[in-house]
PDB file of all heavy atoms in Angstrom:
ATOM      1  N   ARG A   1       8.712  17.876  15.785  1.00  0.00           N
ATOM      2  CA  ARG A   1       8.800  17.425  14.422  1.00  0.00           C
ATOM      3  C   ARG A   1       9.091  15.950  14.115  1.00  0.00           C
ATOM      4  O   ARG A   1       8.480  15.278  13.307  1.00  0.00           O
ATOM      5  CB  ARG A   1       9.682  18.286  13.566  1.00  0.00           C
ATOM      6  CG  ARG A   1       9.464  18.281  12.088  1.00  0.00           C
ATOM      7  CD  ARG A   1      10.411  19.318  11.392  1.00  0.00           C
ATOM      8  NE  ARG A   1      10.176  20.637  11.811  1.00  0.00           N
ATOM      9  CZ  ARG A   1      10.871  21.629  11.587  1.00  0.00           C
ATOM     10  NH1 ARG A   1      12.104  21.494  11.064  1.00  0.00           N
ATOM     11  NH2 ARG A   1      10.554  22.795  11.857  1.00  0.00           N
ATOM     12  N   ALA A   2      10.076  15.431  14.846  1.00  0.00           N
ATOM     13  CA  ALA A   2      10.401  14.158  14.675  1.00  0.00           C
ATOM     14  C   ALA A   2       9.256  13.108  14.872  1.00  0.00           C
ATOM     15  O   ALA A   2       9.059  12.187  14.194  1.00  0.00           O
ATOM     16  CB  ALA A   2      11.593  13.667  15.661  1.00  0.00           C
ATOM     17  N   ALA A   3       8.404  13.461  15.993  1.00  0.00           N
ATOM     18  CA  ALA A   3       7.338  12.566  16.223  1.00  0.00           C
ATOM     19  C   ALA A   3       6.262  12.718  15.034  1.00  0.00           C
ATOM     20  O   ALA A   3       5.640  11.722  14.706  1.00  0.00           O
ATOM     21  CB  ALA A   3       6.655  13.125  17.420  1.00  0.00           C
ATOM     22  N   GLY A   4       6.062  14.009  14.464  1.00  0.00           N
ATOM     23  CA  GLY A   4       5.167  14.128  13.429  1.00  0.00           C
ATOM     24  C   GLY A   4       5.731  13.427  12.086  1.00  0.00           C
ATOM     25  O   GLY A   4       4.858  12.726  11.358  1.00  0.00           O
ATOM     26  N   ILE A   5       6.993  13.567  11.871  1.00  0.00           N
ATOM     27  CA  ILE A   5       7.536  12.834  10.743  1.00  0.00           C
ATOM     28  C   ILE A   5       7.474  11.252  10.927  1.00  0.00           C
ATOM     29  O   ILE A   5       7.300  10.510  10.019  1.00  0.00           O
ATOM     30  CB  ILE A   5       9.055  13.268  10.463  1.00  0.00           C
ATOM     31  CG1 ILE A   5       8.977  14.723   9.884  1.00  0.00           C
ATOM     32  CG2 ILE A   5       9.710  12.267   9.513  1.00  0.00           C
ATOM     33  CD1 ILE A   5      10.314  15.162   9.683  1.00  0.00           C
ATOM     34  N   GLY A   6       7.683  10.930  12.220  1.00  0.00           N
ATOM     35  CA  GLY A   6       7.560   9.458  12.510  1.00  0.00           C
ATOM     36  C   GLY A   6       6.188   8.993  12.298  1.00  0.00           C
ATOM     37  O   GLY A   6       6.102   7.804  11.728  1.00  0.00           O
ATOM     38  N   PHE A   7       5.104   9.741  12.553  1.00  0.00           N
ATOM     39  CA  PHE A   7       3.770   9.240  12.268  1.00  0.00           C
ATOM     40  C   PHE A   7       3.597   9.172  10.776  1.00  0.00           C
ATOM     41  O   PHE A   7       2.936   8.142  10.311  1.00  0.00           O
ATOM     42  CB  PHE A   7       2.742  10.278  12.858  1.00  0.00           C
ATOM     43  CG  PHE A   7       1.464   9.961  12.742  1.00  0.00           C
ATOM     44  CD1 PHE A   7       0.751   9.107  13.517  1.00  0.00           C
ATOM     45  CD2 PHE A   7       0.696  10.438  11.599  1.00  0.00           C
ATOM     46  CE1 PHE A   7      -0.619   8.762  13.368  1.00  0.00           C
ATOM     47  CE2 PHE A   7      -0.664  10.113  11.317  1.00  0.00           C
ATOM     48  CZ  PHE A   7      -1.348   9.364  12.200  1.00  0.00           C
ATOM     49  N   VAL A   8       3.961  10.188  10.089  1.00  0.00           N
ATOM     50  CA  VAL A   8       3.679  10.174   8.658  1.00  0.00           C
ATOM     51  C   VAL A   8       4.523   9.119   7.966  1.00  0.00           C
ATOM     52  O   VAL A   8       3.982   8.391   6.995  1.00  0.00           O
ATOM     53  CB  VAL A   8       4.117  11.567   8.027  1.00  0.00           C
ATOM     54  CG1 VAL A   8       4.124  11.576   6.570  1.00  0.00           C
ATOM     55  CG2 VAL A   8       3.030  12.541   8.459  1.00  0.00           C
ATOM     56  N   MET A   9       5.704   8.787   8.363  1.00  0.00           N
ATOM     57  CA  MET A   9       6.567   7.817   7.759  1.00  0.00           C
ATOM     58  C   MET A   9       6.114   6.358   8.351  1.00  0.00           C
ATOM     59  O   MET A   9       6.756   5.470   7.815  1.00  0.00           O
ATOM     60  CB  MET A   9       7.996   8.141   8.048  1.00  0.00           C
ATOM     61  CG  MET A   9       8.427   9.373   7.352  1.00  0.00           C
ATOM     62  SD  MET A   9      10.213   9.654   7.433  1.00  0.00           S
ATOM     63  CE  MET A   9      10.771   8.420   6.375  1.00  0.00           C
ATOM     64  N   ALA A  10       5.269   6.259   9.347  1.00  0.00           N
ATOM     65  CA  ALA A  10       4.720   5.003   9.578  1.00  0.00           C
ATOM     66  C   ALA A  10       3.956   4.413   8.350  1.00  0.00           C
ATOM     67  O   ALA A  10       3.567   3.303   8.269  1.00  0.00           O
ATOM     68  CB  ALA A  10       3.813   5.191  10.762  1.00  0.00           C
ATOM     69  N   SER A  11       3.616   5.325   7.314  1.00  0.00           N
ATOM     70  CA  SER A  11       3.087   4.940   6.173  1.00  0.00           C
ATOM     71  C   SER A  11       3.918   3.868   5.464  1.00  0.00           C
ATOM     72  O   SER A  11       3.463   3.015   4.674  1.00  0.00           O
ATOM     73  CB  SER A  11       2.828   6.031   5.189  1.00  0.00           C
ATOM     74  OG  SER A  11       3.858   6.841   5.010  1.00  0.00           O
ATOM     75  N   PHE A  12       5.315   3.956   5.593  1.00  0.00           N
ATOM     76  CA  PHE A  12       6.128   2.848   5.176  1.00  0.00           C
ATOM     77  C   PHE A  12       5.774   1.507   5.642  1.00  0.00           C
ATOM     78  O   PHE A  12       5.621   0.566   4.990  1.00  0.00           O
ATOM     79  CB  PHE A  12       7.674   3.230   5.601  1.00  0.00           C
ATOM     80  CG  PHE A  12       8.366   4.121   4.686  1.00  0.00           C
ATOM     81  CD1 PHE A  12       8.218   5.570   4.824  1.00  0.00           C
ATOM     82  CD2 PHE A  12       8.974   3.800   3.583  1.00  0.00           C
ATOM     83  CE1 PHE A  12       8.859   6.434   4.165  1.00  0.00           C
ATOM     84  CE2 PHE A  12       9.609   4.741   2.665  1.00  0.00           C
ATOM     85  CZ  PHE A  12       9.553   6.119   3.039  1.00  0.00           C
ATOM     86  N   SER A  13       5.414   1.612   6.974  1.00  0.00           N
ATOM     87  CA  SER A  13       5.168   0.264   7.734  1.00  0.00           C
ATOM     88  C   SER A  13       3.612  -0.129   7.125  1.00  0.00           C
ATOM     89  O   SER A  13       3.524  -1.347   6.923  1.00  0.00           O
ATOM     90  CB  SER A  13       5.147   0.504   9.203  1.00  0.00           C
ATOM     91  OG  SER A  13       6.343   1.115   9.639  1.00  0.00           O
ATOM     92  N   ALA A  14       2.786   0.772   7.116  1.00  0.00           N
ATOM     93  CA  ALA A  14       1.442   0.397   6.722  1.00  0.00           C
ATOM     94  C   ALA A  14       1.466  -0.157   5.349  1.00  0.00           C
ATOM     95  O   ALA A  14       0.766  -1.152   4.900  1.00  0.00           O
ATOM     96  CB  ALA A  14       0.588   1.651   6.735  1.00  0.00           C
ATOM     97  N   ALA A  15       2.320   0.450   4.452  1.00  0.00           N
ATOM     98  CA  ALA A  15       2.412   0.019   3.063  1.00  0.00           C
ATOM     99  C   ALA A  15       2.927  -1.356   3.100  1.00  0.00           C
ATOM    100  O   ALA A  15       2.557  -2.299   2.216  1.00  0.00           O
ATOM    101  CB  ALA A  15       3.267   0.826   2.143  1.00  0.00           C
ATOM    102  N   SER A  16       3.933  -1.799   3.994  1.00  0.00           N
ATOM    103  CA  SER A  16       4.489  -3.097   4.128  1.00  0.00           C
ATOM    104  C   SER A  16       3.558  -4.076   4.651  1.00  0.00           C
ATOM    105  O   SER A  16       3.470  -5.319   4.184  1.00  0.00           O
ATOM    106  CB  SER A  16       5.740  -2.970   5.019  1.00  0.00           C
ATOM    107  OG  SER A  16       6.788  -2.101   4.388  1.00  0.00           O
ATOM    108  N   VAL A  17       2.728  -3.724   5.646  1.00  0.00           N
ATOM    109  CA  VAL A  17       1.901  -4.450   6.360  1.00  0.00           C
ATOM    110  C   VAL A  17       0.566  -4.791   5.646  1.00  0.00           C
ATOM    111  O   VAL A  17       0.118  -5.975   5.605  1.00  0.00           O
ATOM    112  CB  VAL A  17       1.618  -4.014   7.791  1.00  0.00           C
ATOM    113  CG1 VAL A  17       0.219  -4.447   8.345  1.00  0.00           C
ATOM    114  CG2 VAL A  17       2.708  -4.506   8.644  1.00  0.00           C
ATOM    115  N   PHE A  18       0.077  -3.807   5.172  1.00  0.00           N
ATOM    116  CA  PHE A  18      -1.355  -3.866   4.383  1.00  0.00           C
ATOM    117  C   PHE A  18      -1.207  -3.713   3.045  1.00  0.00           C
ATOM    118  O   PHE A  18      -1.762  -4.552   2.309  1.00  0.00           O
ATOM    119  CB  PHE A  18      -2.299  -2.940   5.079  1.00  0.00           C
ATOM    120  CG  PHE A  18      -2.472  -2.844   6.519  1.00  0.00           C
ATOM    121  CD1 PHE A  18      -1.887  -1.840   7.332  1.00  0.00           C
ATOM    122  CD2 PHE A  18      -3.167  -3.874   7.144  1.00  0.00           C
ATOM    123  CE1 PHE A  18      -2.075  -1.783   8.645  1.00  0.00           C
ATOM    124  CE2 PHE A  18      -3.179  -3.920   8.612  1.00  0.00           C
ATOM    125  CZ  PHE A  18      -2.721  -2.959   9.205  1.00  0.00           C
ATOM    126  N   GLY A  19      -0.485  -2.784   2.477  1.00  0.00           N
ATOM    127  CA  GLY A  19      -0.495  -2.509   1.100  1.00  0.00           C
ATOM    128  C   GLY A  19       0.150  -3.657   0.320  1.00  0.00           C
ATOM    129  O   GLY A  19      -0.503  -4.114  -0.629  1.00  0.00           O
ATOM    130  N   VAL A  20       1.423  -3.954   0.504  1.00  0.00           N
ATOM    131  CA  VAL A  20       2.182  -4.842  -0.273  1.00  0.00           C
ATOM    132  C   VAL A  20       1.545  -6.202  -0.113  1.00  0.00           C
ATOM    133  O   VAL A  20       1.390  -6.965  -1.188  1.00  0.00           O
ATOM    134  CB  VAL A  20       3.745  -4.846   0.053  1.00  0.00           C
ATOM    135  CG1 VAL A  20       4.434  -5.893  -0.573  1.00  0.00           C
ATOM    136  CG2 VAL A  20       4.251  -3.429  -0.323  1.00  0.00           C
ATOM    137  N   PRO A  21       1.307  -6.853   0.985  1.00  0.00           N
ATOM    138  CA  PRO A  21       0.731  -8.197   1.036  1.00  0.00           C
ATOM    139  C   PRO A  21      -0.666  -8.195   0.361  1.00  0.00           C
ATOM    140  O   PRO A  21      -0.826  -9.151  -0.359  1.00  0.00           O
ATOM    141  CB  PRO A  21       0.498  -8.392   2.614  1.00  0.00           C
ATOM    142  CG  PRO A  21       1.589  -7.616   3.228  1.00  0.00           C
ATOM    143  CD  PRO A  21       1.576  -6.257   2.421  1.00  0.00           C
ATOM    144  N   PHE A  22      -1.568  -7.114   0.474  1.00  0.00           N
ATOM    145  CA  PHE A  22      -2.776  -7.195  -0.130  1.00  0.00           C
ATOM    146  C   PHE A  22      -2.582  -7.091  -1.610  1.00  0.00           C
ATOM    147  O   PHE A  22      -3.261  -7.781  -2.489  1.00  0.00           O
ATOM    148  CB  PHE A  22      -3.667  -6.163   0.426  1.00  0.00           C
ATOM    149  CG  PHE A  22      -5.045  -6.178  -0.070  1.00  0.00           C
ATOM    150  CD1 PHE A  22      -5.869  -7.347   0.071  1.00  0.00           C
ATOM    151  CD2 PHE A  22      -5.685  -5.098  -0.808  1.00  0.00           C
ATOM    152  CE1 PHE A  22      -7.160  -7.421  -0.413  1.00  0.00           C
ATOM    153  CE2 PHE A  22      -6.948  -5.198  -1.399  1.00  0.00           C
ATOM    154  CZ  PHE A  22      -7.715  -6.357  -1.237  1.00  0.00           C
ATOM    155  N   GLY A  23      -1.676  -6.203  -2.033  1.00  0.00           N
ATOM    156  CA  GLY A  23      -1.320  -6.031  -3.491  1.00  0.00           C
ATOM    157  C   GLY A  23      -0.777  -7.342  -4.146  1.00  0.00           C
ATOM    158  O   GLY A  23      -1.248  -7.733  -5.309  1.00  0.00           O
ATOM    159  N   LEU A  24      -0.005  -8.091  -3.383  1.00  0.00           N
ATOM    160  CA  LEU A  24       0.576  -9.291  -3.814  1.00  0.00           C
ATOM    161  C   LEU A  24      -0.478 -10.377  -3.941  1.00  0.00           C
ATOM    162  O   LEU A  24      -0.574 -11.259  -4.782  1.00  0.00           O
ATOM    163  CB  LEU A  24       1.709  -9.842  -2.936  1.00  0.00           C
ATOM    164  CG  LEU A  24       3.090  -9.235  -3.115  1.00  0.00           C
ATOM    165  CD1 LEU A  24       4.094  -9.692  -2.074  1.00  0.00           C
ATOM    166  CD2 LEU A  24       3.557  -9.585  -4.480  1.00  0.00           C
ATOM    167  N   TYR A  25      -1.510 -10.308  -2.958  1.00  0.00           N
ATOM    168  CA  TYR A  25      -2.604 -11.242  -2.949  1.00  0.00           C
ATOM    169  C   TYR A  25      -3.491 -11.078  -4.268  1.00  0.00           C
ATOM    170  O   TYR A  25      -3.902 -11.980  -4.886  1.00  0.00           O
ATOM    171  CB  TYR A  25      -3.452 -11.101  -1.580  1.00  0.00           C
ATOM    172  CG  TYR A  25      -4.782 -11.834  -1.647  1.00  0.00           C
ATOM    173  CD1 TYR A  25      -4.761 -13.245  -1.477  1.00  0.00           C
ATOM    174  CD2 TYR A  25      -5.992 -11.152  -1.963  1.00  0.00           C
ATOM    175  CE1 TYR A  25      -5.860 -13.939  -1.416  1.00  0.00           C
ATOM    176  CE2 TYR A  25      -7.138 -11.861  -1.989  1.00  0.00           C
ATOM    177  CZ  TYR A  25      -7.207 -13.312  -1.684  1.00  0.00           C
ATOM    178  OH  TYR A  25      -8.372 -14.042  -1.754  1.00  0.00           O
ATOM    179  N   LEU A  26      -3.756  -9.784  -4.489  1.00  0.00           N
ATOM    180  CA  LEU A  26      -4.464  -9.407  -5.716  1.00  0.00           C
ATOM    181  C   LEU A  26      -3.785  -9.850  -7.038  1.00  0.00           C
ATOM    182  O   LEU A  26      -4.332 -10.385  -7.927  1.00  0.00           O
ATOM    183  CB  LEU A  26      -4.744  -7.953  -5.749  1.00  0.00           C
ATOM    184  CG  LEU A  26      -5.698  -7.348  -4.715  1.00  0.00           C
ATOM    185  CD1 LEU A  26      -5.775  -5.836  -4.895  1.00  0.00           C
ATOM    186  CD2 LEU A  26      -7.109  -7.905  -4.809  1.00  0.00           C
ATOM    187  N   ALA A  27      -2.484  -9.811  -6.857  1.00  0.00           N
ATOM    188  CA  ALA A  27      -1.585 -10.144  -8.144  1.00  0.00           C
ATOM    189  C   ALA A  27      -1.641 -11.615  -8.396  1.00  0.00           C
ATOM    190  O   ALA A  27      -1.524 -12.140  -9.459  1.00  0.00           O
ATOM    191  CB  ALA A  27      -0.145  -9.501  -7.930  1.00  0.00           C
ATOM    192  N   THR A  28      -1.598 -12.325  -7.192  1.00  0.00           N
ATOM    193  CA  THR A  28      -1.634 -13.781  -7.213  1.00  0.00           C
ATOM    194  C   THR A  28      -3.052 -14.343  -7.752  1.00  0.00           C
ATOM    195  O   THR A  28      -3.097 -15.246  -8.448  1.00  0.00           O
ATOM    196  CB  THR A  28      -1.300 -14.346  -5.785  1.00  0.00           C
ATOM    197  OG1 THR A  28      -0.101 -13.921  -5.384  1.00  0.00           O
ATOM    198  CG2 THR A  28      -1.310 -15.979  -5.977  1.00  0.00           C
ATOM    199  N   ILE A  29      -4.073 -13.726  -7.186  1.00  0.00           N
ATOM    200  CA  ILE A  29      -5.460 -14.190  -7.614  1.00  0.00           C
ATOM    201  C   ILE A  29      -5.926 -13.645  -8.953  1.00  0.00           C
ATOM    202  O   ILE A  29      -6.474 -14.556  -9.816  1.00  0.00           O
ATOM    203  CB  ILE A  29      -6.404 -13.587  -6.558  1.00  0.00           C
ATOM    204  CG1 ILE A  29      -6.256 -14.167  -5.212  1.00  0.00           C
ATOM    205  CG2 ILE A  29      -7.972 -14.042  -7.088  1.00  0.00           C
ATOM    206  CD1 ILE A  29      -6.282 -15.632  -5.157  1.00  0.00           C
ATOM    207  N   TYR A  30      -5.518 -12.403  -9.449  1.00  0.00           N
ATOM    208  CA  TYR A  30      -5.815 -11.889 -10.715  1.00  0.00           C
ATOM    209  C   TYR A  30      -4.696 -11.807 -11.591  1.00  0.00           C
ATOM    210  O   TYR A  30      -4.485 -12.605 -12.358  1.00  0.00           O
ATOM    211  CB  TYR A  30      -6.560 -10.615 -10.450  1.00  0.00           C
ATOM    212  CG  TYR A  30      -7.855 -10.632  -9.630  1.00  0.00           C
ATOM    213  CD1 TYR A  30      -7.906 -10.164  -8.268  1.00  0.00           C
ATOM    214  CD2 TYR A  30      -9.015 -11.209 -10.180  1.00  0.00           C
ATOM    215  CE1 TYR A  30      -8.925 -10.269  -7.452  1.00  0.00           C
ATOM    216  CE2 TYR A  30     -10.112 -11.269  -9.434  1.00  0.00           C
ATOM    217  CZ  TYR A  30     -10.173 -10.899  -8.090  1.00  0.00           C
ATOM    218  OH  TYR A  30     -11.219 -10.965  -7.328  1.00  0.00           O
ATOM    219  N   SER A  31      -3.967 -10.621 -11.474  1.00  0.00           N
ATOM    220  CA  SER A  31      -2.772 -10.438 -12.251  1.00  0.00           C
ATOM    221  C   SER A  31      -1.918  -9.333 -11.666  1.00  0.00           C
ATOM    222  O   SER A  31      -2.421  -8.690 -10.752  1.00  0.00           O
ATOM    223  CB  SER A  31      -3.021 -10.114 -13.656  1.00  0.00           C
ATOM    224  OG  SER A  31      -3.531  -8.735 -13.789  1.00  0.00           O
ATOM    225  N   TRP A  32      -0.745  -9.078 -12.111  1.00  0.00           N
ATOM    226  CA  TRP A  32       0.051  -8.026 -11.563  1.00  0.00           C
ATOM    227  C   TRP A  32      -0.459  -6.576 -11.847  1.00  0.00           C
ATOM    228  O   TRP A  32      -0.111  -5.609 -11.084  1.00  0.00           O
ATOM    229  CB  TRP A  32       1.545  -8.089 -12.174  1.00  0.00           C
ATOM    230  CG  TRP A  32       1.555  -7.733 -13.651  1.00  0.00           C
ATOM    231  CD1 TRP A  32       1.537  -8.634 -14.748  1.00  0.00           C
ATOM    232  CD2 TRP A  32       1.723  -6.416 -14.309  1.00  0.00           C
ATOM    233  NE1 TRP A  32       1.588  -7.939 -15.929  1.00  0.00           N
ATOM    234  CE2 TRP A  32       1.754  -6.528 -15.680  1.00  0.00           C
ATOM    235  CE3 TRP A  32       1.734  -5.197 -13.713  1.00  0.00           C
ATOM    236  CZ2 TRP A  32       1.814  -5.536 -16.542  1.00  0.00           C
ATOM    237  CZ3 TRP A  32       1.905  -4.108 -14.539  1.00  0.00           C
ATOM    238  CH2 TRP A  32       1.787  -4.329 -15.989  1.00  0.00           C
ATOM    239  N   HIS A  33      -1.478  -6.485 -12.792  1.00  0.00           N
ATOM    240  CA  HIS A  33      -2.119  -5.178 -12.937  1.00  0.00           C
ATOM    241  C   HIS A  33      -2.938  -4.739 -11.848  1.00  0.00           C
ATOM    242  O   HIS A  33      -3.252  -3.618 -11.505  1.00  0.00           O
ATOM    243  CB  HIS A  33      -3.025  -5.279 -14.197  1.00  0.00           C
ATOM    244  CG  HIS A  33      -2.289  -5.750 -15.544  1.00  0.00           C
ATOM    245  ND1 HIS A  33      -1.671  -4.945 -16.218  1.00  0.00           N
ATOM    246  CD2 HIS A  33      -2.062  -7.080 -15.992  1.00  0.00           C
ATOM    247  CE1 HIS A  33      -1.182  -5.530 -17.222  1.00  0.00           C
ATOM    248  NE2 HIS A  33      -1.452  -6.815 -17.120  1.00  0.00           N
ATOM    249  N   ALA A  34      -3.638  -5.728 -11.015  1.00  0.00           N
ATOM    250  CA  ALA A  34      -4.537  -5.422  -9.908  1.00  0.00           C
ATOM    251  C   ALA A  34      -4.037  -4.532  -8.964  1.00  0.00           C
ATOM    252  O   ALA A  34      -4.771  -3.529  -8.540  1.00  0.00           O
ATOM    253  CB  ALA A  34      -5.083  -6.679  -9.463  1.00  0.00           C
ATOM    254  N   PRO A  35      -2.863  -4.678  -8.443  1.00  0.00           N
ATOM    255  CA  PRO A  35      -2.326  -3.639  -7.406  1.00  0.00           C
ATOM    256  C   PRO A  35      -2.469  -2.204  -7.829  1.00  0.00           C
ATOM    257  O   PRO A  35      -2.789  -1.281  -7.133  1.00  0.00           O
ATOM    258  CB  PRO A  35      -1.010  -4.183  -7.022  1.00  0.00           C
ATOM    259  CG  PRO A  35      -0.955  -5.586  -7.407  1.00  0.00           C
ATOM    260  CD  PRO A  35      -1.805  -5.613  -8.624  1.00  0.00           C
ATOM    261  N   PHE A  36      -2.006  -1.964  -9.097  1.00  0.00           N
ATOM    262  CA  PHE A  36      -2.083  -0.565  -9.595  1.00  0.00           C
ATOM    263  C   PHE A  36      -3.507  -0.024  -9.761  1.00  0.00           C
ATOM    264  O   PHE A  36      -3.705   1.249  -9.572  1.00  0.00           O
ATOM    265  CB  PHE A  36      -1.230  -0.505 -10.830  1.00  0.00           C
ATOM    266  CG  PHE A  36       0.159  -0.942 -10.666  1.00  0.00           C
ATOM    267  CD1 PHE A  36       0.621  -2.248 -11.141  1.00  0.00           C
ATOM    268  CD2 PHE A  36       1.038  -0.102 -10.183  1.00  0.00           C
ATOM    269  CE1 PHE A  36       1.987  -2.456 -10.873  1.00  0.00           C
ATOM    270  CE2 PHE A  36       2.404  -0.420  -9.900  1.00  0.00           C
ATOM    271  CZ  PHE A  36       2.902  -1.604 -10.344  1.00  0.00           C
ATOM    272  N   LEU A  37      -4.360  -0.816 -10.084  1.00  0.00           N
ATOM    273  CA  LEU A  37      -5.821  -0.424 -10.127  1.00  0.00           C
ATOM    274  C   LEU A  37      -6.298  -0.091  -8.759  1.00  0.00           C
ATOM    275  O   LEU A  37      -7.026   0.963  -8.660  1.00  0.00           O
ATOM    276  CB  LEU A  37      -6.642  -1.565 -10.800  1.00  0.00           C
ATOM    277  CG  LEU A  37      -6.611  -1.779 -12.161  1.00  0.00           C
ATOM    278  CD1 LEU A  37      -7.287  -3.073 -12.562  1.00  0.00           C
ATOM    279  CD2 LEU A  37      -7.166  -0.554 -12.926  1.00  0.00           C
ATOM    280  N   LEU A  38      -6.013  -0.848  -7.662  1.00  0.00           N
ATOM    281  CA  LEU A  38      -6.315  -0.530  -6.424  1.00  0.00           C
ATOM    282  C   LEU A  38      -5.660   0.845  -5.819  1.00  0.00           C
ATOM    283  O   LEU A  38      -6.482   1.627  -5.442  1.00  0.00           O
ATOM    284  CB  LEU A  38      -5.794  -1.556  -5.433  1.00  0.00           C
ATOM    285  CG  LEU A  38      -5.876  -1.287  -3.906  1.00  0.00           C
ATOM    286  CD1 LEU A  38      -7.398  -1.196  -3.456  1.00  0.00           C
ATOM    287  CD2 LEU A  38      -5.088  -2.369  -3.140  1.00  0.00           C
ATOM    288  N   LEU A  39      -4.497   1.129  -6.202  1.00  0.00           N
ATOM    289  CA  LEU A  39      -3.768   2.259  -5.982  1.00  0.00           C
ATOM    290  C   LEU A  39      -4.366   3.547  -6.598  1.00  0.00           C
ATOM    291  O   LEU A  39      -4.605   4.663  -6.077  1.00  0.00           O
ATOM    292  CB  LEU A  39      -2.251   2.186  -6.341  1.00  0.00           C
ATOM    293  CG  LEU A  39      -1.482   1.454  -5.328  1.00  0.00           C
ATOM    294  CD1 LEU A  39      -0.093   1.284  -5.872  1.00  0.00           C
ATOM    295  CD2 LEU A  39      -1.219   2.136  -3.935  1.00  0.00           C
ATOM    296  N   GLY A  40      -4.867   3.288  -7.831  1.00  0.00           N
ATOM    297  CA  GLY A  40      -5.590   4.412  -8.587  1.00  0.00           C
ATOM    298  C   GLY A  40      -6.859   4.795  -7.924  1.00  0.00           C
ATOM    299  O   GLY A  40      -7.218   5.943  -7.762  1.00  0.00           O
ATOM    300  N   LEU A  41      -7.658   3.797  -7.440  1.00  0.00           N
ATOM    301  CA  LEU A  41      -8.904   3.987  -6.703  1.00  0.00           C
ATOM    302  C   LEU A  41      -8.553   4.792  -5.448  1.00  0.00           C
ATOM    303  O   LEU A  41      -9.292   5.814  -5.158  1.00  0.00           O
ATOM    304  CB  LEU A  41      -9.523   2.810  -6.428  1.00  0.00           C
ATOM    305  CG  LEU A  41     -10.947   2.793  -5.608  1.00  0.00           C
ATOM    306  CD1 LEU A  41     -11.813   3.746  -6.365  1.00  0.00           C
ATOM    307  CD2 LEU A  41     -11.427   1.425  -5.442  1.00  0.00           C
ATOM    308  N   LEU A  42      -7.652   4.270  -4.656  1.00  0.00           N
ATOM    309  CA  LEU A  42      -7.242   4.997  -3.311  1.00  0.00           C
ATOM    310  C   LEU A  42      -6.866   6.432  -3.748  1.00  0.00           C
ATOM    311  O   LEU A  42      -7.113   7.384  -2.850  1.00  0.00           O
ATOM    312  CB  LEU A  42      -6.137   4.247  -2.590  1.00  0.00           C
ATOM    313  CG  LEU A  42      -6.485   2.945  -2.097  1.00  0.00           C
ATOM    314  CD1 LEU A  42      -5.333   2.251  -1.440  1.00  0.00           C
ATOM    315  CD2 LEU A  42      -7.566   3.154  -0.925  1.00  0.00           C
ATOM    316  N   GLY A  43      -6.151   6.588  -4.741  1.00  0.00           N
ATOM    317  CA  GLY A  43      -5.666   7.957  -5.128  1.00  0.00           C
ATOM    318  C   GLY A  43      -6.710   8.982  -5.343  1.00  0.00           C
ATOM    319  O   GLY A  43      -6.704  10.164  -4.912  1.00  0.00           O
ATOM    320  N   VAL A  44      -7.826   8.421  -6.036  1.00  0.00           N
ATOM    321  CA  VAL A  44      -9.055   9.470  -6.162  1.00  0.00           C
ATOM    322  C   VAL A  44      -9.673   9.822  -4.816  1.00  0.00           C
ATOM    323  O   VAL A  44     -10.053  10.915  -4.688  1.00  0.00           O
ATOM    324  CB  VAL A  44     -10.054   8.640  -7.077  1.00  0.00           C
ATOM    325  CG1 VAL A  44     -11.352   9.443  -7.158  1.00  0.00           C
ATOM    326  CG2 VAL A  44      -9.515   8.398  -8.481  1.00  0.00           C
TER     327      VAL A  44
END
Protein backbone atom coordinates (compact mmCIF):
# COMPACT_ATOMS: atom_id res chain seq x y z
CA ARG A 1 0.00 0.00 0.00
CA ALA A 2 2.77 2.50 0.76
CA ALA A 3 4.14 2.04 -2.75
CA GLY A 4 0.65 2.57 -4.20
CA ILE A 5 0.06 5.66 -2.09
CA GLY A 6 3.55 6.89 -3.00
CA PHE A 7 2.66 6.58 -6.70
CA VAL A 8 -0.65 8.41 -6.32
CA MET A 9 0.89 11.08 -4.12
CA ALA A 10 3.56 11.68 -6.74
CA SER A 11 0.76 13.84 -8.15
CA PHE A 12 1.94 16.41 -5.60
CA SER A 13 5.26 16.43 -7.40
CA ALA A 14 3.66 16.46 -10.85
CA ALA A 15 1.49 19.39 -9.80
CA SER A 16 4.63 21.21 -8.65
CA VAL A 17 6.75 20.36 -11.67
CA PHE A 18 4.24 20.65 -14.49
CA GLY A 19 1.00 22.08 -13.13
CA VAL A 20 2.07 25.06 -11.08
CA PRO A 21 4.86 26.35 -13.40
CA PHE A 22 2.61 26.01 -16.45
CA GLY A 23 -0.26 27.59 -14.56
CA LEU A 24 1.97 30.50 -13.54
CA TYR A 25 3.16 30.84 -17.13
CA LEU A 26 -0.45 31.09 -18.31
CA ALA A 27 -1.19 33.60 -15.54
CA THR A 28 1.81 35.71 -16.59
CA ILE A 29 0.95 35.61 -20.31
CA TYR A 30 -2.83 35.98 -19.97
CA SER A 31 -4.23 36.48 -16.45
CA TRP A 32 -4.69 34.68 -13.15
CA HIS A 33 -7.98 33.27 -14.50
CA ALA A 34 -6.18 31.05 -17.06
CA PRO A 35 -4.90 28.28 -14.72
CA PHE A 36 -8.41 27.60 -13.46
CA LEU A 37 -9.74 27.33 -17.02
CA LEU A 38 -7.03 24.77 -17.73
CA LEU A 39 -7.98 22.77 -14.63
CA GLY A 40 -11.64 22.82 -15.65
CA LEU A 41 -10.78 21.33 -19.04
CA LEU A 42 -8.58 18.65 -17.46
CA GLY A 43 -11.40 17.90 -15.04
CA VAL A 44 -13.81 17.09 -17.87
